[in-house]
Amino acid sequence: MNKIYHIYQVSDSTGETLDRIFLAIKAQFSNFNCKTIHYSFTRTMNQIDKIISKSQNEKNVIILYTIVDKNLAKYMVEETKKNNIPCFEVLGTLITDFSKLLNQEASRKPSGQHILDEEYYKRIEAVQFTISHDDGKIISDLDKSDVILFGISRTSKTPTSMYLANRGYKVANIPIIPSKELSSGIIESSKKTCAVGLVCDATRLLDVRRNRIQSMNEDRPSDYTNEERILNELESSKKLFKKNNWPILDVTRKSVEETAASIIKILDILNSK
């Protein structure tokens, strides 16, 4: 029987950065069974003492931490060493290296990335815009979008839009509906921004649609889960994308993050021209 590791993620902020880094690490090991315990906003020695005390009651504990306060980070290292607990700092070395390279002291301020600055409010505005322009709800100001996503039903338009919005991009997504042409206004707006067409393998799309109907008890036409119809929908959407010279992304084997990364790359190429 494989070991089950207890991964303590200790952060002086929300722990979001640490969580993402650990997910990237975990993905590299196929036989890694673990239970993750989060300790966010850890900013005192007393909090660290409680974490160390709890770890003594469990087996196979590994501590990952992001603590920018030097004294507190040092205390963490000392206490884990005393108790023979594997402990790894995630950002400290990188911050030190950048400090040397830039020839300036780091602020060492917890939650520094969550400051309510112009960039933060830009992301909030992007999220609000994207929500209001989901699934073709608003099409009057599509030219204000950074990206317009097109695709037939269940090609990951909405989750990809929301992920991009959280990165600060204003995204509108437009469904391609069988036997219904896009308006000339939508086509014209697509020429003023970055338009991307999303497609998916028909078999995969069939499974997704069936699961959606079952889980959400949606009332859909009977041919919504007809494979022949799905093939026709995909073929028609591809013709539309090619006609308008929109880049086409196949999302079949892509996560939302990977699809978003590809779209950002397309944006960068367009912006560099």
C-alpha atoms as a PDB file:
ATOM      1  CA  MET A   1       0.000   0.000   0.000  1.00  0.00           C
ATOM      2  CA  ASN A   2       1.377   3.425  -0.993  1.00  0.00           C
ATOM      3  CA  LYS A   3       2.115   6.087   1.566  1.00  0.00           C
ATOM      4  CA  ILE A   4      -0.316   8.932   1.978  1.00  0.00           C
ATOM      5  CA  TYR A   5       1.579  12.172   2.502  1.00  0.00           C
ATOM      6  CA  HIS A   6       0.152  15.098   4.429  1.00  0.00           C
ATOM      7  CA  ILE A   7       1.140  18.255   2.580  1.00  0.00           C
ATOM      8  CA  TYR A   8       0.960  21.306   4.799  1.00  0.00           C
ATOM      9  CA  GLN A   9       0.749  24.450   2.678  1.00  0.00           C
ATOM     10  CA  VAL A  10       1.685  27.335   4.932  1.00  0.00           C
ATOM     11  CA  SER A  11       1.302  30.852   3.574  1.00  0.00           C
ATOM     12  CA  ASP A  12       1.339  34.352   5.002  1.00  0.00           C
ATOM     13  CA  SER A  13      -1.290  35.319   2.413  1.00  0.00           C
ATOM     14  CA  THR A  14      -4.180  33.552   0.684  1.00  0.00           C
ATOM     15  CA  GLY A  15      -2.071  30.529  -0.308  1.00  0.00           C
ATOM     16  CA  GLU A  16      -3.208  30.719  -3.929  1.00  0.00           C
ATOM     17  CA  THR A  17       0.333  30.952  -5.324  1.00  0.00           C
ATOM     18  CA  LEU A  18       1.540  28.063  -3.190  1.00  0.00           C
ATOM     19  CA  ASP A  19      -1.420  25.918  -4.186  1.00  0.00           C
ATOM     20  CA  ARG A  20      -0.758  26.429  -7.900  1.00  0.00           C
ATOM     21  CA  ILE A  21       2.928  25.644  -7.530  1.00  0.00           C
ATOM     22  CA  PHE A  22       2.167  22.453  -5.619  1.00  0.00           C
ATOM     23  CA  LEU A  23      -0.339  21.336  -8.275  1.00  0.00           C
ATOM     24  CA  ALA A  24       2.415  21.737 -10.873  1.00  0.00           C
ATOM     25  CA  ILE A  25       4.782  19.664  -8.717  1.00  0.00           C
ATOM     26  CA  LYS A  26       2.184  16.989  -8.010  1.00  0.00           C
ATOM     27  CA  ALA A  27       1.424  16.596 -11.719  1.00  0.00           C
ATOM     28  CA  GLN A  28       4.980  15.333 -12.256  1.00  0.00           C
ATOM     29  CA  PHE A  29       4.477  12.255 -10.075  1.00  0.00           C
ATOM     30  CA  SER A  30       1.940   9.619 -11.101  1.00  0.00           C
ATOM     31  CA  ASN A  31       2.201   7.659  -7.846  1.00  0.00           C
ATOM     32  CA  PHE A  32       1.878  10.433  -5.286  1.00  0.00           C
ATOM     33  CA  ASN A  33      -1.007  10.046  -2.860  1.00  0.00           C
ATOM     34  CA  CYS A  34      -1.487  13.007  -0.613  1.00  0.00           C
ATOM     35  CA  LYS A  35      -3.866  15.005   1.506  1.00  0.00           C
ATOM     36  CA  THR A  36      -3.424  18.770   1.387  1.00  0.00           C
ATOM     37  CA  ILE A  37      -3.967  20.961   4.443  1.00  0.00           C
ATOM     38  CA  HIS A  38      -3.974  24.743   3.944  1.00  0.00           C
ATOM     39  CA  TYR A  39      -2.768  27.263   6.527  1.00  0.00           C
ATOM     40  CA  SER A  40      -3.318  30.734   5.088  1.00  0.00           C
ATOM     41  CA  PHE A  41      -2.499  34.103   6.687  1.00  0.00           C
ATOM     42  CA  THR A  42       0.203  32.557   8.889  1.00  0.00           C
ATOM     43  CA  ARG A  43       2.011  35.599  10.275  1.00  0.00           C
ATOM     44  CA  THR A  44       3.049  34.789  13.845  1.00  0.00           C
ATOM     45  CA  MET A  45       5.368  32.344  15.613  1.00  0.00           C
ATOM     46  CA  ASN A  46       2.433  31.138  17.678  1.00  0.00           C
ATOM     47  CA  GLN A  47       0.626  30.045  14.508  1.00  0.00           C
ATOM     48  CA  ILE A  48       3.722  28.156  13.374  1.00  0.00           C
ATOM     49  CA  ASP A  49       3.998  26.450  16.769  1.00  0.00           C
ATOM     50  CA  LYS A  50       0.414  25.196  16.424  1.00  0.00           C
ATOM     51  CA  ILE A  51       1.135  23.863  12.929  1.00  0.00           C
ATOM     52  CA  ILE A  52       4.257  22.046  14.124  1.00  0.00           C
ATOM     53  CA  SER A  53       2.347  20.616  17.080  1.00  0.00           C
ATOM     54  CA  LYS A  54      -0.403  19.278  14.828  1.00  0.00           C
ATOM     55  CA  SER A  55       2.125  17.742  12.440  1.00  0.00           C
ATOM     56  CA  GLN A  56       3.552  15.642  15.258  1.00  0.00           C
ATOM     57  CA  ASN A  57       0.286  13.688  15.400  1.00  0.00           C
ATOM     58  CA  GLU A  58       0.443  12.696  11.734  1.00  0.00           C
ATOM     59  CA  LYS A  59       2.765  10.608   9.575  1.00  0.00           C
ATOM     60  CA  ASN A  60       4.565  11.544   6.373  1.00  0.00           C
ATOM     61  CA  VAL A  61       4.191  15.287   6.759  1.00  0.00           C
ATOM     62  CA  ILE A  62       5.796  17.638   4.233  1.00  0.00           C
ATOM     63  CA  ILE A  63       5.640  21.391   4.712  1.00  0.00           C
ATOM     64  CA  LEU A  64       5.697  23.847   1.831  1.00  0.00           C
ATOM     65  CA  TYR A  65       5.639  27.519   2.704  1.00  0.00           C
ATOM     66  CA  THR A  66       5.625  31.025   1.324  1.00  0.00           C
ATOM     67  CA  ILE A  67       6.534  33.461   4.090  1.00  0.00           C
ATOM     68  CA  VAL A  68       8.185  36.713   3.064  1.00  0.00           C
ATOM     69  CA  ASP A  69       9.089  37.894   6.593  1.00  0.00           C
ATOM     70  CA  LYS A  70      12.711  36.796   7.052  1.00  0.00           C
ATOM     71  CA  ASN A  71      12.506  36.254  10.803  1.00  0.00           C
ATOM     72  CA  LEU A  72       9.315  34.236  10.578  1.00  0.00           C
ATOM     73  CA  ALA A  73      10.702  32.157   7.702  1.00  0.00           C
ATOM     74  CA  LYS A  74      13.858  31.494   9.722  1.00  0.00           C
ATOM     75  CA  TYR A  75      11.738  30.385  12.674  1.00  0.00           C
ATOM     76  CA  MET A  76       9.842  27.988  10.429  1.00  0.00           C
ATOM     77  CA  VAL A  77      13.101  26.425   9.227  1.00  0.00           C
ATOM     78  CA  GLU A  78      14.465  26.067  12.763  1.00  0.00           C
ATOM     79  CA  GLU A  79      11.314  24.466  14.169  1.00  0.00           C
ATOM     80  CA  THR A  80      10.844  21.997  11.319  1.00  0.00           C
ATOM     81  CA  LYS A  81      14.509  21.016  11.545  1.00  0.00           C
ATOM     82  CA  LYS A  82      14.150  20.367  15.284  1.00  0.00           C
ATOM     83  CA  ASN A  83      11.222  18.059  14.594  1.00  0.00           C
ATOM     84  CA  ASN A  84      12.727  16.376  11.510  1.00  0.00           C
ATOM     85  CA  ILE A  85       9.946  17.549   9.214  1.00  0.00           C
ATOM     86  CA  PRO A  86      10.777  17.982   5.499  1.00  0.00           C
ATOM     87  CA  CYS A  87      10.221  21.660   4.795  1.00  0.00           C
ATOM     88  CA  PHE A  88      10.604  23.600   1.534  1.00  0.00           C
ATOM     89  CA  GLU A  89      10.496  27.318   0.897  1.00  0.00           C
ATOM     90  CA  VAL A  90       8.837  28.150  -2.418  1.00  0.00           C
ATOM     91  CA  LEU A  91       9.459  31.849  -3.141  1.00  0.00           C
ATOM     92  CA  GLY A  92      12.218  32.996  -0.795  1.00  0.00           C
ATOM     93  CA  THR A  93      15.225  32.112  -2.947  1.00  0.00           C
ATOM     94  CA  LEU A  94      13.632  33.638  -6.023  1.00  0.00           C
ATOM     95  CA  ILE A  95      12.861  36.885  -4.177  1.00  0.00           C
ATOM     96  CA  THR A  96      16.460  37.048  -2.926  1.00  0.00           C
ATOM     97  CA  ASP A  97      17.837  36.426  -6.422  1.00  0.00           C
ATOM     98  CA  PHE A  98      15.641  39.166  -7.893  1.00  0.00           C
ATOM     99  CA  SER A  99      16.674  41.519  -5.100  1.00  0.00           C
ATOM    100  CA  LYS A 100      20.313  41.046  -6.079  1.00  0.00           C
ATOM    101  CA  LEU A 101      19.598  41.354  -9.796  1.00  0.00           C
ATOM    102  CA  LEU A 102      17.520  44.533  -9.421  1.00  0.00           C
ATOM    103  CA  ASN A 103      19.859  45.894  -6.749  1.00  0.00           C
ATOM    104  CA  GLN A 104      17.008  46.773  -4.422  1.00  0.00           C
ATOM    105  CA  GLU A 105      15.457  45.399  -1.276  1.00  0.00           C
ATOM    106  CA  ALA A 106      12.204  43.470  -1.537  1.00  0.00           C
ATOM    107  CA  SER A 107       9.334  44.900   0.513  1.00  0.00           C
ATOM    108  CA  ARG A 108       8.760  41.523   2.242  1.00  0.00           C
ATOM    109  CA  LYS A 109       5.111  42.489   2.581  1.00  0.00           C
ATOM    110  CA  PRO A 110       2.562  39.646   2.835  1.00  0.00           C
ATOM    111  CA  SER A 111      -0.235  39.750   0.220  1.00  0.00           C
ATOM    112  CA  GLY A 112       1.811  42.144  -1.880  1.00  0.00           C
ATOM    113  CA  GLN A 113       0.281  40.697  -5.048  1.00  0.00           C
ATOM    114  CA  HIS A 114      -3.245  41.411  -3.798  1.00  0.00           C
ATOM    115  CA  ILE A 115      -2.863  45.171  -3.496  1.00  0.00           C
ATOM    116  CA  LEU A 116      -5.896  47.150  -4.720  1.00  0.00           C
ATOM    117  CA  ASP A 117      -4.054  48.893  -7.532  1.00  0.00           C
ATOM    118  CA  GLU A 118      -4.960  49.769 -11.121  1.00  0.00           C
ATOM    119  CA  GLU A 119      -4.153  46.233 -12.280  1.00  0.00           C
ATOM    120  CA  TYR A 120      -6.533  44.767  -9.701  1.00  0.00           C
ATOM    121  CA  TYR A 121      -9.430  46.973 -10.770  1.00  0.00           C
ATOM    122  CA  LYS A 122      -8.665  46.169 -14.402  1.00  0.00           C
ATOM    123  CA  ARG A 123      -9.222  42.480 -13.607  1.00  0.00           C
ATOM    124  CA  ILE A 124     -12.492  43.233 -11.790  1.00  0.00           C
ATOM    125  CA  GLU A 125     -13.696  45.254 -14.771  1.00  0.00           C
ATOM    126  CA  ALA A 126     -12.706  42.409 -17.095  1.00  0.00           C
ATOM    127  CA  VAL A 127     -14.667  39.879 -15.027  1.00  0.00           C
ATOM    128  CA  GLN A 128     -17.762  42.103 -14.998  1.00  0.00           C
ATOM    129  CA  PHE A 129     -17.528  42.649 -18.751  1.00  0.00           C
ATOM    130  CA  THR A 130     -17.070  38.941 -19.435  1.00  0.00           C
ATOM    131  CA  ILE A 131     -20.027  37.880 -17.280  1.00  0.00           C
ATOM    132  CA  SER A 132     -22.347  40.368 -19.004  1.00  0.00           C
ATOM    133  CA  HIS A 133     -21.130  39.238 -22.456  1.00  0.00           C
ATOM    134  CA  ASP A 134     -21.406  35.506 -21.832  1.00  0.00           C
ATOM    135  CA  ASP A 135     -23.221  33.386 -24.422  1.00  0.00           C
ATOM    136  CA  GLY A 136     -24.029  36.357 -26.660  1.00  0.00           C
ATOM    137  CA  LYS A 137     -26.060  38.245 -24.020  1.00  0.00           C
ATOM    138  CA  ILE A 138     -24.739  41.617 -25.194  1.00  0.00           C
ATOM    139  CA  ILE A 139     -23.423  42.187 -28.726  1.00  0.00           C
ATOM    140  CA  SER A 140     -23.733  45.963 -29.068  1.00  0.00           C
ATOM    141  CA  ASP A 141     -20.193  46.711 -27.873  1.00  0.00           C
ATOM    142  CA  LEU A 142     -18.200  43.641 -28.939  1.00  0.00           C
ATOM    143  CA  ASP A 143     -15.473  45.912 -30.316  1.00  0.00           C
ATOM    144  CA  LYS A 144     -14.557  46.713 -26.686  1.00  0.00           C
ATOM    145  CA  SER A 145     -13.572  43.071 -26.137  1.00  0.00           C
ATOM    146  CA  ASP A 146      -9.963  41.965 -26.034  1.00  0.00           C
ATOM    147  CA  VAL A 147     -11.140  38.592 -27.344  1.00  0.00           C
ATOM    148  CA  ILE A 148     -14.313  37.180 -28.866  1.00  0.00           C
ATOM    149  CA  LEU A 149     -14.678  33.404 -28.637  1.00  0.00           C
ATOM    150  CA  PHE A 150     -16.916  31.555 -31.100  1.00  0.00           C
ATOM    151  CA  GLY A 151     -17.985  27.920 -30.938  1.00  0.00           C
ATOM    152  CA  ILE A 152     -20.891  25.508 -30.939  1.00  0.00           C
ATOM    153  CA  SER A 153     -22.440  24.389 -27.663  1.00  0.00           C
ATOM    154  CA  ARG A 154     -20.112  22.904 -25.019  1.00  0.00           C
ATOM    155  CA  THR A 155     -16.781  23.844 -26.577  1.00  0.00           C
ATOM    156  CA  SER A 156     -15.578  25.432 -23.296  1.00  0.00           C
ATOM    157  CA  LYS A 157     -16.386  29.009 -24.286  1.00  0.00           C
ATOM    158  CA  THR A 158     -17.625  30.161 -20.871  1.00  0.00           C
ATOM    159  CA  PRO A 159     -14.945  28.586 -18.615  1.00  0.00           C
ATOM    160  CA  THR A 160     -12.207  29.790 -20.956  1.00  0.00           C
ATOM    161  CA  SER A 161     -13.734  33.280 -20.980  1.00  0.00           C
ATOM    162  CA  MET A 162     -13.846  33.423 -17.189  1.00  0.00           C
ATOM    163  CA  TYR A 163     -10.282  32.211 -16.835  1.00  0.00           C
ATOM    164  CA  LEU A 164      -9.077  34.886 -19.251  1.00  0.00           C
ATOM    165  CA  ALA A 165     -11.160  37.488 -17.427  1.00  0.00           C
ATOM    166  CA  ASN A 166      -9.366  36.654 -14.200  1.00  0.00           C
ATOM    167  CA  ARG A 167      -6.152  37.358 -16.074  1.00  0.00           C
ATOM    168  CA  GLY A 168      -7.476  40.820 -16.955  1.00  0.00           C
ATOM    169  CA  TYR A 169      -8.845  40.226 -20.469  1.00  0.00           C
ATOM    170  CA  LYS A 170     -12.307  41.395 -21.502  1.00  0.00           C
ATOM    171  CA  VAL A 171     -13.903  38.434 -23.268  1.00  0.00           C
ATOM    172  CA  ALA A 172     -17.188  37.976 -25.098  1.00  0.00           C
ATOM    173  CA  ASN A 173     -18.323  34.576 -26.291  1.00  0.00           C
ATOM    174  CA  ILE A 174     -20.805  33.914 -29.061  1.00  0.00           C
ATOM    175  CA  PRO A 175     -22.559  30.572 -29.588  1.00  0.00           C
ATOM    176  CA  ILE A 176     -22.723  29.155 -33.098  1.00  0.00           C
ATOM    177  CA  ILE A 177     -26.313  27.947 -33.453  1.00  0.00           C
ATOM    178  CA  PRO A 178     -27.377  25.576 -36.256  1.00  0.00           C
ATOM    179  CA  SER A 179     -29.403  27.225 -39.047  1.00  0.00           C
ATOM    180  CA  LYS A 180     -28.812  30.680 -37.555  1.00  0.00           C
ATOM    181  CA  GLU A 181     -26.344  33.044 -39.195  1.00  0.00           C
ATOM    182  CA  LEU A 182     -24.262  35.507 -37.235  1.00  0.00           C
ATOM    183  CA  SER A 183     -25.330  39.110 -37.699  1.00  0.00           C
ATOM    184  CA  SER A 184     -23.271  41.458 -39.840  1.00  0.00           C
ATOM    185  CA  GLY A 185     -22.625  43.521 -36.702  1.00  0.00           C
ATOM    186  CA  ILE A 186     -20.941  40.576 -34.970  1.00  0.00           C
ATOM    187  CA  ILE A 187     -18.804  39.869 -38.025  1.00  0.00           C
ATOM    188  CA  GLU A 188     -17.760  43.522 -38.284  1.00  0.00           C
ATOM    189  CA  SER A 189     -16.905  43.692 -34.573  1.00  0.00           C
ATOM    190  CA  SER A 190     -14.757  40.573 -34.912  1.00  0.00           C
ATOM    191  CA  LYS A 191     -12.565  42.427 -37.409  1.00  0.00           C
ATOM    192  CA  LYS A 192     -11.750  45.092 -34.811  1.00  0.00           C
ATOM    193  CA  THR A 193     -10.463  42.732 -32.124  1.00  0.00           C
ATOM    194  CA  CYS A 194      -9.131  39.189 -31.660  1.00  0.00           C
ATOM    195  CA  ALA A 195     -11.646  36.520 -32.688  1.00  0.00           C
ATOM    196  CA  VAL A 196     -10.944  32.825 -32.032  1.00  0.00           C
ATOM    197  CA  GLY A 197     -12.978  29.764 -33.029  1.00  0.00           C
ATOM    198  CA  LEU A 198     -13.158  26.798 -30.660  1.00  0.00           C
ATOM    199  CA  VAL A 199     -13.755  23.232 -31.860  1.00  0.00           C
ATOM    200  CA  CYS A 200     -13.752  19.811 -30.212  1.00  0.00           C
ATOM    201  CA  ASP A 201     -13.709  16.146 -31.203  1.00  0.00           C
ATOM    202  CA  ALA A 202     -17.272  15.019 -32.003  1.00  0.00           C
ATOM    203  CA  THR A 203     -17.168  11.944 -29.765  1.00  0.00           C
ATOM    204  CA  ARG A 204     -15.888  13.956 -26.846  1.00  0.00           C
ATOM    205  CA  LEU A 205     -18.485  16.641 -27.459  1.00  0.00           C
ATOM    206  CA  LEU A 206     -21.240  14.034 -27.526  1.00  0.00           C
ATOM    207  CA  ASP A 207     -20.165  12.755 -24.083  1.00  0.00           C
ATOM    208  CA  VAL A 208     -19.995  16.269 -22.659  1.00  0.00           C
ATOM    209  CA  ARG A 209     -23.461  17.153 -23.926  1.00  0.00           C
ATOM    210  CA  ARG A 210     -24.994  13.945 -22.581  1.00  0.00           C
ATOM    211  CA  ASN A 211     -23.410  14.478 -19.170  1.00  0.00           C
ATOM    212  CA  ARG A 212     -24.567  18.091 -19.114  1.00  0.00           C
ATOM    213  CA  ILE A 213     -28.182  17.141 -19.829  1.00  0.00           C
ATOM    214  CA  GLN A 214     -28.147  14.443 -17.155  1.00  0.00           C
ATOM    215  CA  SER A 215     -26.489  16.528 -14.458  1.00  0.00           C
ATOM    216  CA  MET A 216     -28.430  19.746 -15.089  1.00  0.00           C
ATOM    217  CA  ASN A 217     -31.725  18.194 -16.229  1.00  0.00           C
ATOM    218  CA  GLU A 218     -31.677  20.495 -19.225  1.00  0.00           C
ATOM    219  CA  ASP A 219     -34.479  20.486 -21.753  1.00  0.00           C
ATOM    220  CA  ARG A 220     -32.754  20.189 -25.131  1.00  0.00           C
ATOM    221  CA  PRO A 221     -33.908  19.119 -28.623  1.00  0.00           C
ATOM    222  CA  SER A 222     -33.534  15.374 -29.181  1.00  0.00           C
ATOM    223  CA  ASP A 223     -30.881  15.864 -31.861  1.00  0.00           C
ATOM    224  CA  TYR A 224     -28.680  17.869 -29.455  1.00  0.00           C
ATOM    225  CA  THR A 225     -26.897  14.606 -28.655  1.00  0.00           C
ATOM    226  CA  ASN A 226     -27.047  13.166 -32.159  1.00  0.00           C
ATOM    227  CA  GLU A 227     -23.511  12.453 -33.354  1.00  0.00           C
ATOM    228  CA  GLU A 228     -24.297  13.159 -37.004  1.00  0.00           C
ATOM    229  CA  ARG A 229     -25.748  16.541 -36.103  1.00  0.00           C
ATOM    230  CA  ILE A 230     -22.699  17.329 -33.962  1.00  0.00           C
ATOM    231  CA  LEU A 231     -20.405  16.488 -36.886  1.00  0.00           C
ATOM    232  CA  ASN A 232     -22.428  18.821 -39.116  1.00  0.00           C
ATOM    233  CA  GLU A 233     -22.314  21.578 -36.488  1.00  0.00           C
ATOM    234  CA  LEU A 234     -18.543  21.259 -36.196  1.00  0.00           C
ATOM    235  CA  GLU A 235     -18.052  21.260 -39.955  1.00  0.00           C
ATOM    236  CA  SER A 236     -20.232  24.342 -40.379  1.00  0.00           C
ATOM    237  CA  SER A 237     -18.412  26.183 -37.578  1.00  0.00           C
ATOM    238  CA  LYS A 238     -15.013  25.379 -39.119  1.00  0.00           C
ATOM    239  CA  LYS A 239     -16.177  26.748 -42.480  1.00  0.00           C
ATOM    240  CA  LEU A 240     -17.346  29.927 -40.742  1.00  0.00           C
ATOM    241  CA  PHE A 241     -14.029  30.336 -38.915  1.00  0.00           C
ATOM    242  CA  LYS A 242     -12.010  29.817 -42.089  1.00  0.00           C
ATOM    243  CA  LYS A 243     -14.244  32.180 -44.068  1.00  0.00           C
ATOM    244  CA  ASN A 244     -13.517  34.960 -41.563  1.00  0.00           C
ATOM    245  CA  ASN A 245      -9.859  34.022 -41.086  1.00  0.00           C
ATOM    246  CA  TRP A 246     -10.318  33.364 -37.360  1.00  0.00           C
ATOM    247  CA  PRO A 247      -7.667  31.196 -35.675  1.00  0.00           C
ATOM    248  CA  ILE A 248      -9.085  27.779 -34.750  1.00  0.00           C
ATOM    249  CA  LEU A 249      -8.257  26.037 -31.474  1.00  0.00           C
ATOM    250  CA  ASP A 250      -9.086  22.384 -30.843  1.00  0.00           C
ATOM    251  CA  VAL A 251      -9.941  22.111 -27.136  1.00  0.00           C
ATOM    252  CA  THR A 252     -10.426  18.325 -27.092  1.00  0.00           C
ATOM    253  CA  ARG A 253      -7.288  17.497 -25.132  1.00  0.00           C
ATOM    254  CA  LYS A 254      -6.677  20.918 -23.652  1.00  0.00           C
ATOM    255  CA  SER A 255      -7.418  22.119 -20.151  1.00  0.00           C
ATOM    256  CA  VAL A 256      -9.009  25.552 -19.804  1.00  0.00           C
ATOM    257  CA  GLU A 257      -5.607  26.886 -18.743  1.00  0.00           C
ATOM    258  CA  GLU A 258      -3.943  25.497 -21.855  1.00  0.00           C
ATOM    259  CA  THR A 259      -6.647  26.886 -24.133  1.00  0.00           C
ATOM    260  CA  ALA A 260      -6.333  30.295 -22.460  1.00  0.00           C
ATOM    261  CA  ALA A 261      -2.540  30.213 -22.848  1.00  0.00           C
ATOM    262  CA  SER A 262      -2.934  29.552 -26.581  1.00  0.00           C
ATOM    263  CA  ILE A 263      -5.363  32.472 -26.897  1.00  0.00           C
ATOM    264  CA  ILE A 264      -2.995  34.798 -25.036  1.00  0.00           C
ATOM    265  CA  LYS A 265      -0.236  33.738 -27.431  1.00  0.00           C
ATOM    266  CA  ILE A 266      -2.487  34.622 -30.395  1.00  0.00           C
ATOM    267  CA  LEU A 267      -3.204  38.002 -28.759  1.00  0.00           C
ATOM    268  CA  ASP A 268       0.501  38.672 -28.258  1.00  0.00           C
ATOM    269  CA  ILE A 269       1.184  37.903 -31.921  1.00  0.00           C
ATOM    270  CA  LEU A 270      -1.601  40.241 -33.053  1.00  0.00           C
ATOM    271  CA  ASN A 271      -0.457  43.017 -30.726  1.00  0.00           C
ATOM    272  CA  SER A 272       3.135  42.747 -31.921  1.00  0.00           C
ATOM    273  CA  LYS A 273       2.171  43.501 -35.533  1.00  0.00           C
END
